[in-house]
Amino acid sequence: METSIFIGTWAALLPPVIAIVLAFITKEVYSSLFVGILAGALLYAQFNPWMTFKAIFTVMQENLDMQILIFLVMLGMIVILMEKSGGSAAYGRWAGKKIKSKRLAMLSTTFLGILIFVDDYFNCLTVGSVMRPITDRHKVSRAKLAYIIDATAAPVCIIAPISSWAAAVNSYVPEGAGITGFQLFLSTIPFNLYALFTLFMVFYTSFTGLDYGTMKTHEMNAAKGDLFTDHEGDFDESEKVTVNEHGTVADLIAPTLVLIGAAVGAMIYTGFLNGGVNIQDAFANCSSSESLIFSTFVTLIFMLILYVPRKVVSFKEYTESFVEGFKLMIPAISILTFAWTLKGMTSALGITDYVTTWVSSGSFIEILIPAIMFVIAVFISFSTGTSWGTFAILVPIVVSVFSGQLEMMIISVSAVLAGAVAGDHISPISDTTIMSSAGAQCYHMNHVSTQLQYALPPMIASVIGFIVAGFTQNVAITLIVGFVVLIVELQILKIRSK
């Protein structure tokens, strides 16, 4: 097939824009994603019907991450087994004695989200499965739970030196930059404004109980017993798992610790296999997907030994949990499949070349570049649904623009990382947004609409903060101004919400 005339042009932005607009209009994510994919395939095939058909399934096949899908199914199986063993119920009873208020339930969820910083997928699904019974008991809406999960997943990973995200950023820093990828990542942490402001905001809203916008409606409905609000059957609460009343807290905690320990251990091991010479290098070079699969496999073997001999779960129930775990993850797997295909279609249309040319040719005032790069990163990440892809496009550009100006390089790379996470947060086609919905078992568009409103105050504070950073190149002044702006915004929202 001859090269499409649309490749490397503004048309590369159309498929994700169409999908996102339709998702907000129709509140139906599957068909919106498919229409976006179809639009991209038509442009790529220059409206040839047969080549359009071939393009859709070729791109889908090339962009499916089977390792992540296997991880999701096995993690779904773990969640089902935890419920069947009575471990989740026992933890709920135990935590119910310790966590006696809605505020404590939300703060406990926040703390757990921060503790699990190794990987955002792992964070989203683990925090959701462990804390969902607690937040349900205290009538926290599923939309609020999804927000807390999302706000403590990517923002924590992007400022944690030991995480799969740190490894990704390391890999995007070109040789000859004058600084190693890991050193650059460490230097960006104090300037990663969106991540810091988002973490502050999730603590603030959890502690004060501030709700506004659509989230306030969800929380009011949750207080009346409706945890979902206009959900469309993605998660059927009528299909309850048979629970063993003799399960203990250890039946939940022990597999969780094994899961975390095996994941961290496997990441370090694969990192050393891939050339790491110390712990930092090991995490920078680890195979995160393989490590996550290994950790779930080890955990399932551990659960077999822990549950079956004690008869808290029969061997038949253990094997049946595979199918039930698969069913639990079908919504997430379906949306991820479409989202990955859409990302692949935008890549095939040359969105990277288009954005690179556009950014490189811009004659921006140097001191405004951090703020401009933040906005550009938000736009790309929102349109494509990928933080890591945004890193790959913009980090090398920023490093080359500020070669020899280390402080401005650090600030501008920080702006790219912050903007990529912000855009990823508010994008309905983002895999971490999808994972957060799956972890909370929340209807996806409910999470998207509420997350957008809660992400705006940190985004506004970040833009102002990066303008200040460009002028002063001082982290203390930048953080003080940014936090003052964010607190003022939250106070205004608090007054208006009353």
Protein backbone atom coordinates (compact mmCIF):
# COMPACT_ATOMS: atom_id res chain seq x y z
CA MET A 1 0.00 0.00 0.00
CA GLU A 2 1.33 3.47 -0.87
CA THR A 3 2.14 5.82 1.99
CA SER A 4 -0.89 7.75 3.21
CA ILE A 5 -0.92 11.49 2.58
CA PHE A 6 -2.22 11.94 6.15
CA ILE A 7 0.85 10.48 7.89
CA GLY A 8 2.81 13.05 9.89
CA THR A 9 0.12 15.72 9.57
CA TRP A 10 -2.47 17.24 11.91
CA ALA A 11 -4.79 14.39 10.89
CA ALA A 12 -2.86 12.14 13.33
CA LEU A 13 -4.65 13.98 16.14
CA LEU A 14 -8.15 13.29 14.80
CA PRO A 15 -8.67 9.66 15.97
CA PRO A 16 -8.05 10.30 19.71
CA VAL A 17 -9.92 13.62 19.59
CA ILE A 18 -12.96 11.93 17.99
CA ALA A 19 -12.88 9.10 20.56
CA ILE A 20 -12.56 11.48 23.53
CA VAL A 21 -15.32 13.85 22.36
CA LEU A 22 -17.69 10.96 21.66
CA ALA A 23 -16.95 9.39 25.05
CA PHE A 24 -17.92 12.60 26.84
CA ILE A 25 -21.03 13.09 24.70
CA THR A 26 -22.36 9.52 24.69
CA LYS A 27 -20.97 8.35 28.08
CA GLU A 28 -20.22 5.08 26.26
CA VAL A 29 -16.54 4.31 25.99
CA TYR A 30 -16.46 1.12 23.87
CA SER A 31 -18.20 2.48 20.80
CA SER A 32 -16.39 5.83 21.13
CA LEU A 33 -13.00 4.12 21.08
CA PHE A 34 -14.01 1.97 18.11
CA VAL A 35 -15.17 5.00 16.10
CA GLY A 36 -11.83 6.68 16.84
CA ILE A 37 -9.97 3.56 15.68
CA LEU A 38 -12.11 3.37 12.53
CA ALA A 39 -11.43 7.05 11.75
CA GLY A 40 -7.69 6.46 12.13
CA ALA A 41 -7.78 3.36 9.93
CA LEU A 42 -9.69 5.20 7.20
CA LEU A 43 -7.09 7.98 7.18
CA TYR A 44 -4.21 5.51 7.23
CA ALA A 45 -5.71 3.45 4.35
CA GLN A 46 -6.81 6.60 2.47
CA PHE A 47 -10.44 5.41 2.69
CA ASN A 48 -9.83 2.08 0.94
CA PRO A 49 -12.43 -0.26 2.58
CA TRP A 50 -10.38 -3.47 2.50
CA MET A 51 -7.13 -1.81 3.60
CA THR A 52 -9.07 -0.07 6.39
CA PHE A 53 -10.28 -3.46 7.65
CA LYS A 54 -6.74 -4.86 7.49
CA ALA A 55 -5.25 -1.82 9.21
CA ILE A 56 -7.57 -2.12 12.22
CA PHE A 57 -6.68 -5.72 13.00
CA THR A 58 -3.00 -5.41 12.08
CA VAL A 59 -2.56 -2.47 14.44
CA MET A 60 -4.60 -4.22 17.15
CA GLN A 61 -2.43 -7.32 16.90
CA GLU A 62 0.81 -5.31 16.99
CA ASN A 63 -0.18 -3.20 20.01
CA LEU A 64 -1.75 -5.75 22.34
CA ASP A 65 0.43 -6.20 25.41
CA MET A 66 -0.25 -9.85 26.19
CA GLN A 67 1.89 -9.73 29.32
CA ILE A 68 -0.31 -7.06 30.87
CA LEU A 69 -3.47 -8.97 29.87
CA ILE A 70 -2.11 -12.16 31.46
CA PHE A 71 -1.22 -10.17 34.57
CA LEU A 72 -4.75 -8.75 34.75
CA VAL A 73 -6.40 -12.18 34.46
CA MET A 74 -4.13 -13.66 37.13
CA LEU A 75 -4.66 -10.67 39.40
CA GLY A 76 -8.42 -11.05 38.92
CA MET A 77 -8.04 -14.67 39.99
CA ILE A 78 -6.16 -13.53 43.13
CA VAL A 79 -8.93 -11.06 43.99
CA ILE A 80 -11.61 -13.74 43.59
CA LEU A 81 -9.64 -16.20 45.76
CA MET A 82 -9.18 -13.57 48.47
CA GLU A 83 -12.95 -13.10 48.52
CA LYS A 84 -13.74 -16.82 48.43
CA SER A 85 -11.33 -17.57 51.27
CA GLY A 86 -13.05 -15.02 53.45
CA GLY A 87 -9.83 -13.02 53.71
CA SER A 88 -11.38 -9.85 52.30
CA ALA A 89 -14.42 -10.20 54.58
CA ALA A 90 -12.21 -10.86 57.61
CA TYR A 91 -10.08 -7.84 56.79
CA GLY A 92 -13.26 -5.82 56.41
CA ARG A 93 -14.43 -6.91 59.87
CA TRP A 94 -11.02 -6.17 61.39
CA ALA A 95 -10.62 -2.84 59.65
CA GLY A 96 -14.20 -1.97 60.57
CA LYS A 97 -13.13 -1.99 64.21
CA LYS A 98 -10.12 0.20 63.48
CA ILE A 99 -11.48 2.41 60.69
CA LYS A 100 -14.63 3.89 62.16
CA SER A 101 -15.25 6.88 59.93
CA LYS A 102 -15.50 7.79 56.28
CA ARG A 103 -12.52 10.13 56.68
CA LEU A 104 -10.30 7.35 58.03
CA ALA A 105 -11.44 5.02 55.23
CA MET A 106 -10.37 7.54 52.58
CA LEU A 107 -7.11 8.42 54.34
CA SER A 108 -6.25 4.72 54.77
CA THR A 109 -6.83 4.19 51.05
CA THR A 110 -4.57 7.15 50.30
CA PHE A 111 -1.77 5.85 52.53
CA LEU A 112 -1.97 2.37 50.98
CA GLY A 113 -1.82 3.90 47.49
CA ILE A 114 1.36 5.77 48.42
CA LEU A 115 2.95 2.65 49.92
CA ILE A 116 2.49 0.64 46.70
CA PHE A 117 4.76 2.74 44.48
CA VAL A 118 6.45 0.06 42.38
CA ASP A 119 4.00 0.08 39.45
CA ASP A 120 0.82 1.99 38.67
CA TYR A 121 -1.15 -1.00 37.31
CA PHE A 122 -0.23 -3.01 40.37
CA ASN A 123 -1.15 -0.05 42.58
CA CYS A 124 -4.58 0.51 41.01
CA LEU A 125 -5.81 -3.07 41.22
CA THR A 126 -4.27 -3.99 44.59
CA VAL A 127 -5.48 -0.88 46.43
CA GLY A 128 -8.94 -1.30 44.93
CA SER A 129 -9.32 -4.95 45.90
CA VAL A 130 -8.04 -4.41 49.46
CA MET A 131 -9.87 -1.17 50.32
CA ARG A 132 -13.14 -1.54 48.40
CA PRO A 133 -14.96 -3.42 51.22
CA ILE A 134 -13.89 -0.73 53.70
CA THR A 135 -14.91 2.25 51.59
CA ASP A 136 -18.19 0.53 50.68
CA ARG A 137 -18.99 0.08 54.36
CA HIS A 138 -18.45 3.78 55.02
CA LYS A 139 -20.43 4.80 51.94
CA VAL A 140 -17.60 6.23 49.87
CA SER A 141 -18.81 6.34 46.28
CA ARG A 142 -17.00 4.17 43.74
CA ALA A 143 -16.16 7.36 41.81
CA LYS A 144 -14.41 8.79 44.88
CA LEU A 145 -12.56 5.52 45.45
CA ALA A 146 -11.42 5.53 41.81
CA TYR A 147 -10.19 9.13 42.22
CA ILE A 148 -8.15 8.27 45.32
CA ILE A 149 -6.66 5.24 43.57
CA ASP A 150 -5.79 7.24 40.43
CA ALA A 151 -4.42 10.17 42.42
CA THR A 152 -2.02 7.90 44.31
CA ALA A 153 -0.94 5.72 41.38
CA ALA A 154 0.89 7.62 38.62
CA PRO A 155 1.66 10.71 40.81
CA VAL A 156 3.43 8.46 43.33
CA CYS A 157 5.21 6.37 40.69
CA ILE A 158 6.52 9.46 38.87
CA ILE A 159 8.30 10.72 42.03
CA ALA A 160 9.44 7.30 43.30
CA PRO A 161 13.03 6.48 42.25
CA ILE A 162 12.29 2.76 42.61
CA SER A 163 9.43 2.24 40.17
CA SER A 164 8.72 1.14 36.62
CA TRP A 165 8.04 4.80 35.73
CA ALA A 166 11.52 5.87 36.84
CA ALA A 167 12.89 3.11 34.62
CA ALA A 168 10.90 4.44 31.65
CA VAL A 169 12.14 8.01 32.11
CA ASN A 170 15.74 6.75 32.41
CA SER A 171 15.45 5.08 29.02
CA TYR A 172 14.29 8.28 27.25
CA VAL A 173 17.32 10.42 28.20
CA PRO A 174 19.79 10.32 25.27
CA GLU A 175 23.51 9.74 25.70
CA GLY A 176 25.62 12.88 25.83
CA ALA A 177 22.99 14.82 27.80
CA GLY A 178 25.59 15.67 30.47
CA ILE A 179 23.62 13.83 33.14
CA THR A 180 22.51 10.22 33.56
CA GLY A 181 18.85 9.31 33.26
CA PHE A 182 18.61 8.35 36.91
CA GLN A 183 20.32 11.54 38.11
CA LEU A 184 17.97 13.59 35.94
CA PHE A 185 14.95 11.73 37.32
CA LEU A 186 16.03 12.40 40.92
CA SER A 187 16.55 16.08 40.11
CA THR A 188 13.03 16.42 38.66
CA ILE A 189 11.23 15.20 41.80
CA PRO A 190 11.09 18.60 43.64
CA PHE A 191 9.90 20.30 40.43
CA ASN A 192 7.28 17.67 39.55
CA LEU A 193 4.53 20.06 40.53
CA TYR A 194 1.43 18.22 39.31
CA ALA A 195 2.35 15.03 41.18
CA LEU A 196 3.09 16.91 44.42
CA PHE A 197 -0.03 19.08 44.17
CA THR A 198 -2.25 16.09 43.35
CA LEU A 199 -1.00 14.14 46.37
CA PHE A 200 -1.63 17.19 48.57
CA MET A 201 -5.11 17.56 47.14
CA VAL A 202 -6.12 13.93 47.71
CA PHE A 203 -5.05 14.25 51.36
CA TYR A 204 -6.86 17.57 51.67
CA THR A 205 -10.14 16.34 50.18
CA SER A 206 -10.01 13.09 52.18
CA PHE A 207 -9.33 14.91 55.46
CA THR A 208 -11.74 17.82 55.03
CA GLY A 209 -14.45 15.94 53.13
CA LEU A 210 -14.47 18.56 50.38
CA ASP A 211 -16.64 17.43 47.45
CA TYR A 212 -17.64 19.55 44.49
CA GLY A 213 -18.94 19.22 40.95
CA THR A 214 -20.15 15.82 39.78
CA MET A 215 -18.30 14.10 42.63
CA LYS A 216 -20.60 15.82 45.13
CA THR A 217 -23.58 14.16 43.44
CA HIS A 218 -21.88 10.76 43.63
CA GLU A 219 -21.09 11.23 47.32
CA MET A 220 -24.63 12.36 48.12
CA ASN A 221 -26.02 9.29 46.35
CA ALA A 222 -23.51 7.05 48.15
CA ALA A 223 -24.74 8.40 51.48
CA LYS A 224 -28.18 7.07 50.45
CA GLY A 225 -26.74 3.67 49.54
CA ASP A 226 -26.08 4.10 45.79
CA LEU A 227 -22.33 3.68 45.45
CA PHE A 228 -22.34 3.78 41.65
CA THR A 229 -24.69 6.48 40.27
CA ASP A 230 -25.82 5.70 36.74
CA HIS A 231 -23.57 2.66 36.31
CA GLU A 232 -24.42 0.49 33.32
CA GLY A 233 -23.81 -3.01 34.56
CA ASP A 234 -20.05 -3.16 34.10
CA PHE A 235 -19.83 -4.59 37.60
CA ASP A 236 -22.84 -6.66 38.60
CA GLU A 237 -23.10 -6.51 42.38
CA SER A 238 -25.82 -9.16 42.33
CA GLU A 239 -23.24 -11.82 41.48
CA LYS A 240 -21.79 -12.27 44.95
CA VAL A 241 -18.88 -14.61 45.52
CA THR A 242 -19.53 -17.36 48.08
CA VAL A 243 -17.51 -16.35 51.14
CA ASN A 244 -16.02 -18.64 53.77
CA GLU A 245 -16.89 -17.19 57.17
CA HIS A 246 -13.86 -18.94 58.70
CA GLY A 247 -11.33 -16.89 56.72
CA THR A 248 -8.80 -14.78 58.58
CA VAL A 249 -7.08 -11.46 58.00
CA ALA A 250 -3.92 -13.43 57.17
CA ASP A 251 -5.74 -14.94 54.17
CA LEU A 252 -5.70 -11.43 52.67
CA ILE A 253 -2.53 -9.92 54.10
CA ALA A 254 -0.17 -12.88 53.47
CA PRO A 255 -0.90 -13.18 49.71
CA THR A 256 -0.68 -9.37 49.38
CA LEU A 257 2.77 -9.32 50.99
CA VAL A 258 3.89 -12.23 48.80
CA LEU A 259 2.58 -10.39 45.74
CA ILE A 260 4.48 -7.19 46.62
CA GLY A 261 7.65 -9.01 47.68
CA ALA A 262 7.72 -11.21 44.57
CA ALA A 263 7.13 -8.19 42.30
CA VAL A 264 9.94 -6.15 43.84
CA GLY A 265 12.28 -9.16 43.93
CA ALA A 266 11.58 -10.05 40.30
CA MET A 267 12.13 -6.45 39.18
CA ILE A 268 15.51 -6.35 40.90
CA TYR A 269 16.47 -9.77 39.51
CA THR A 270 15.48 -8.98 35.91
CA GLY A 271 17.21 -5.61 36.24
CA PHE A 272 20.49 -7.28 37.14
CA LEU A 273 20.01 -9.76 34.30
CA ASN A 274 19.61 -6.81 31.92
CA GLY A 275 22.87 -5.19 32.97
CA GLY A 276 22.16 -3.42 36.26
CA VAL A 277 25.16 -3.05 38.57
CA ASN A 278 23.30 -1.71 41.64
CA ILE A 279 19.74 -1.44 42.95
CA GLN A 280 19.01 1.81 41.09
CA ASP A 281 20.33 0.38 37.83
CA ALA A 282 18.37 -2.80 38.42
CA PHE A 283 15.07 -0.91 38.62
CA ALA A 284 16.08 1.19 35.62
CA ASN A 285 16.68 -1.95 33.54
CA CYS A 286 13.99 -4.26 34.93
CA SER A 287 11.36 -6.10 32.88
CA SER A 288 8.32 -4.84 34.77
CA SER A 289 5.67 -6.80 32.84
CA GLU A 290 7.51 -10.11 33.30
CA SER A 291 8.04 -9.30 36.97
CA LEU A 292 4.35 -8.62 37.52
CA ILE A 293 3.37 -11.90 35.86
CA PHE A 294 5.95 -13.76 37.94
CA SER A 295 4.63 -12.18 41.15
CA THR A 296 1.02 -13.15 40.42
CA PHE A 297 2.10 -16.70 39.50
CA VAL A 298 4.06 -17.08 42.75
CA THR A 299 1.13 -15.64 44.71
CA LEU A 300 -1.34 -18.09 43.14
CA ILE A 301 0.91 -21.02 44.09
CA PHE A 302 1.19 -19.60 47.60
CA MET A 303 -2.61 -19.26 47.84
CA LEU A 304 -3.04 -22.87 46.70
CA ILE A 305 -0.80 -24.00 49.57
CA LEU A 306 -2.40 -21.58 52.05
CA TYR A 307 -6.07 -22.17 51.26
CA VAL A 308 -6.69 -25.70 49.94
CA PRO A 309 -5.13 -27.82 52.75
CA ARG A 310 -7.07 -25.76 55.33
CA LYS A 311 -10.22 -26.21 53.22
CA VAL A 312 -11.08 -22.51 53.25
CA VAL A 313 -11.22 -22.96 49.47
CA SER A 314 -11.74 -26.31 47.74
CA PHE A 315 -9.52 -27.32 44.84
CA LYS A 316 -12.53 -27.06 42.54
CA GLU A 317 -13.22 -23.50 43.72
CA TYR A 318 -9.54 -22.70 43.25
CA THR A 319 -9.58 -23.80 39.60
CA GLU A 320 -12.96 -22.13 38.94
CA SER A 321 -11.53 -18.82 40.13
CA PHE A 322 -9.54 -18.56 36.89
CA VAL A 323 -12.72 -18.12 34.83
CA GLU A 324 -14.30 -15.88 37.48
CA GLY A 325 -11.17 -13.73 37.63
CA PHE A 326 -11.21 -13.44 33.84
CA LYS A 327 -14.87 -12.33 33.96
CA LEU A 328 -14.00 -9.75 36.63
CA MET A 329 -11.40 -8.17 34.37
CA ILE A 330 -13.35 -8.28 31.08
CA PRO A 331 -14.36 -4.57 31.22
CA ALA A 332 -10.75 -3.49 31.81
CA ILE A 333 -9.35 -5.87 29.19
CA SER A 334 -11.91 -4.73 26.60
CA ILE A 335 -11.23 -1.03 27.10
CA LEU A 336 -7.46 -1.58 27.20
CA THR A 337 -7.59 -3.51 23.92
CA PHE A 338 -9.41 -0.65 22.21
CA ALA A 339 -7.20 2.00 23.87
CA TRP A 340 -3.97 0.26 22.80
CA THR A 341 -5.30 -0.07 19.25
CA LEU A 342 -6.17 3.63 19.17
CA LYS A 343 -2.67 4.53 20.41
CA GLY A 344 -1.18 2.28 17.73
CA MET A 345 -3.30 3.93 15.07
CA THR A 346 -2.15 7.43 16.08
CA SER A 347 1.46 6.18 16.02
CA ALA A 348 0.94 4.70 12.55
CA LEU A 349 -0.35 8.10 11.43
CA GLY A 350 2.94 9.66 12.59
CA ILE A 351 1.81 11.69 15.59
CA THR A 352 5.37 11.55 16.99
CA ASP A 353 6.88 13.14 13.84
CA TYR A 354 4.14 15.77 13.69
CA VAL A 355 4.53 16.83 17.34
CA THR A 356 8.34 16.73 17.20
CA THR A 357 8.38 19.03 14.16
CA TRP A 358 5.80 21.34 15.69
CA VAL A 359 7.61 21.68 19.03
CA SER A 360 11.14 21.90 17.60
CA SER A 361 10.18 24.71 15.23
CA GLY A 362 8.56 26.82 17.93
CA SER A 363 10.33 30.07 18.84
CA PHE A 364 9.29 30.24 22.49
CA ILE A 365 10.59 32.70 25.06
CA GLU A 366 13.04 30.56 27.03
CA ILE A 367 11.71 31.34 30.51
CA LEU A 368 8.20 30.29 29.45
CA ILE A 369 9.31 26.97 27.97
CA PRO A 370 8.62 24.93 31.17
CA ALA A 371 5.01 26.15 31.33
CA ILE A 372 4.59 25.68 27.56
CA MET A 373 6.06 22.16 27.70
CA PHE A 374 3.66 21.31 30.55
CA VAL A 375 0.67 22.37 28.45
CA ILE A 376 1.96 20.54 25.35
CA ALA A 377 2.58 17.38 27.41
CA VAL A 378 -0.95 17.57 28.83
CA PHE A 379 -2.37 17.85 25.32
CA ILE A 380 -0.36 14.95 23.89
CA SER A 381 -0.96 12.66 26.86
CA PHE A 382 -4.68 13.49 26.92
CA SER A 383 -5.02 12.89 23.17
CA THR A 384 -3.03 9.66 23.06
CA GLY A 385 -3.80 8.28 26.53
CA THR A 386 -0.16 7.50 27.26
CA SER A 387 2.27 9.16 29.67
CA TRP A 388 5.20 7.04 28.57
CA GLY A 389 4.66 7.86 24.90
CA THR A 390 4.65 11.55 25.81
CA PHE A 391 7.94 11.11 27.69
CA ALA A 392 9.42 9.43 24.62
CA ILE A 393 8.40 12.32 22.34
CA LEU A 394 9.24 15.34 24.48
CA VAL A 395 12.09 14.42 26.88
CA PRO A 396 14.74 14.05 24.12
CA ILE A 397 13.59 17.39 22.60
CA VAL A 398 13.87 19.24 25.91
CA VAL A 399 17.27 17.69 26.69
CA SER A 400 18.63 18.79 23.30
CA VAL A 401 17.15 22.31 23.56
CA PHE A 402 18.79 22.92 26.96
CA SER A 403 22.09 21.17 26.36
CA GLY A 404 24.54 22.98 28.65
CA GLN A 405 21.78 24.64 30.73
CA LEU A 406 21.32 22.00 33.41
CA GLU A 407 18.87 23.83 35.68
CA MET A 408 16.47 24.75 32.86
CA MET A 409 16.80 21.22 31.48
CA ILE A 410 15.73 19.78 34.85
CA ILE A 411 12.79 22.19 35.18
CA SER A 412 11.59 21.59 31.62
CA VAL A 413 11.90 17.80 31.87
CA SER A 414 9.95 18.05 35.16
CA ALA A 415 7.27 19.99 33.29
CA VAL A 416 7.08 17.26 30.64
CA LEU A 417 6.75 14.51 33.27
CA ALA A 418 4.15 16.50 35.21
CA GLY A 419 2.15 17.36 32.10
CA ALA A 420 2.23 13.78 30.85
CA VAL A 421 0.78 12.51 34.14
CA ALA A 422 -1.83 15.30 34.18
CA GLY A 423 -2.99 14.55 30.63
CA ASP A 424 -3.00 10.84 31.37
CA HIS A 425 -5.14 11.50 34.46
CA ILE A 426 -7.91 13.25 32.55
CA SER A 427 -7.89 11.06 29.42
CA PRO A 428 -10.71 8.51 29.10
CA ILE A 429 -8.49 6.34 26.89
CA SER A 430 -5.58 6.20 29.35
CA ASP A 431 -4.69 2.73 30.60
CA THR A 432 -4.10 3.98 34.17
CA THR A 433 -7.50 5.71 34.16
CA ILE A 434 -9.01 2.43 32.98
CA MET A 435 -7.10 0.47 35.65
CA SER A 436 -8.33 2.84 38.36
CA SER A 437 -11.92 2.29 37.24
CA ALA A 438 -11.31 -1.47 37.27
CA GLY A 439 -9.67 -1.37 40.70
CA ALA A 440 -12.58 0.56 42.19
CA GLN A 441 -15.10 -1.42 40.10
CA CYS A 442 -16.50 1.95 39.05
CA TYR A 443 -18.28 2.74 35.79
CA HIS A 444 -15.48 4.16 33.65
CA MET A 445 -17.09 7.40 32.46
CA ASN A 446 -18.18 8.22 36.02
CA HIS A 447 -14.51 8.16 37.00
CA VAL A 448 -13.43 10.15 33.93
CA SER A 449 -15.93 12.97 34.48
CA THR A 450 -15.12 13.36 38.20
CA GLN A 451 -11.37 12.96 37.76
CA LEU A 452 -11.30 15.80 35.21
CA GLN A 453 -12.86 18.24 37.68
CA TYR A 454 -10.51 17.22 40.50
CA ALA A 455 -7.40 17.39 38.28
CA LEU A 456 -8.00 20.99 37.17
CA PRO A 457 -6.89 22.80 40.40
CA PRO A 458 -3.47 21.04 40.50
CA MET A 459 -3.08 21.67 36.75
CA ILE A 460 -3.75 25.40 37.09
CA ALA A 461 -1.38 25.64 40.06
CA SER A 462 1.24 23.73 38.05
CA VAL A 463 1.07 26.13 35.07
CA ILE A 464 1.60 29.12 37.37
CA GLY A 465 4.33 27.23 39.23
CA PHE A 466 6.25 26.45 36.04
CA ILE A 467 6.04 30.09 34.95
CA VAL A 468 7.60 31.04 38.30
CA ALA A 469 10.20 28.26 37.91
CA GLY A 470 11.21 29.58 34.49
CA PHE A 471 11.80 33.07 35.91
CA THR A 472 13.43 32.14 39.24
CA GLN A 473 14.90 28.65 38.69
CA ASN A 474 14.37 28.29 42.44
CA VAL A 475 12.54 25.23 43.78
CA ALA A 476 11.55 26.79 47.12
CA ILE A 477 9.93 29.87 45.57
CA THR A 478 8.24 27.69 42.93
CA LEU A 479 6.73 25.33 45.50
CA ILE A 480 5.59 28.12 47.81
CA VAL A 481 3.82 30.02 45.02
CA GLY A 482 2.29 26.81 43.59
CA PHE A 483 0.96 25.60 46.93
CA VAL A 484 -0.45 29.05 47.76
CA VAL A 485 -2.32 29.08 44.43
CA LEU A 486 -3.64 25.53 45.03
CA ILE A 487 -4.80 26.31 48.58
CA VAL A 488 -6.58 29.46 47.38
CA GLU A 489 -8.32 27.40 44.67
CA LEU A 490 -9.41 24.78 47.21
CA GLN A 491 -10.75 27.45 49.58
CA ILE A 492 -12.78 28.99 46.75
CA LEU A 493 -14.16 25.55 45.84
CA LYS A 494 -14.97 24.89 49.50
CA ILE A 495 -16.93 28.16 49.76
CA ARG A 496 -18.77 27.54 46.46
CA SER A 497 -19.61 23.93 47.36
CA LYS A 498 -21.52 25.15 50.41
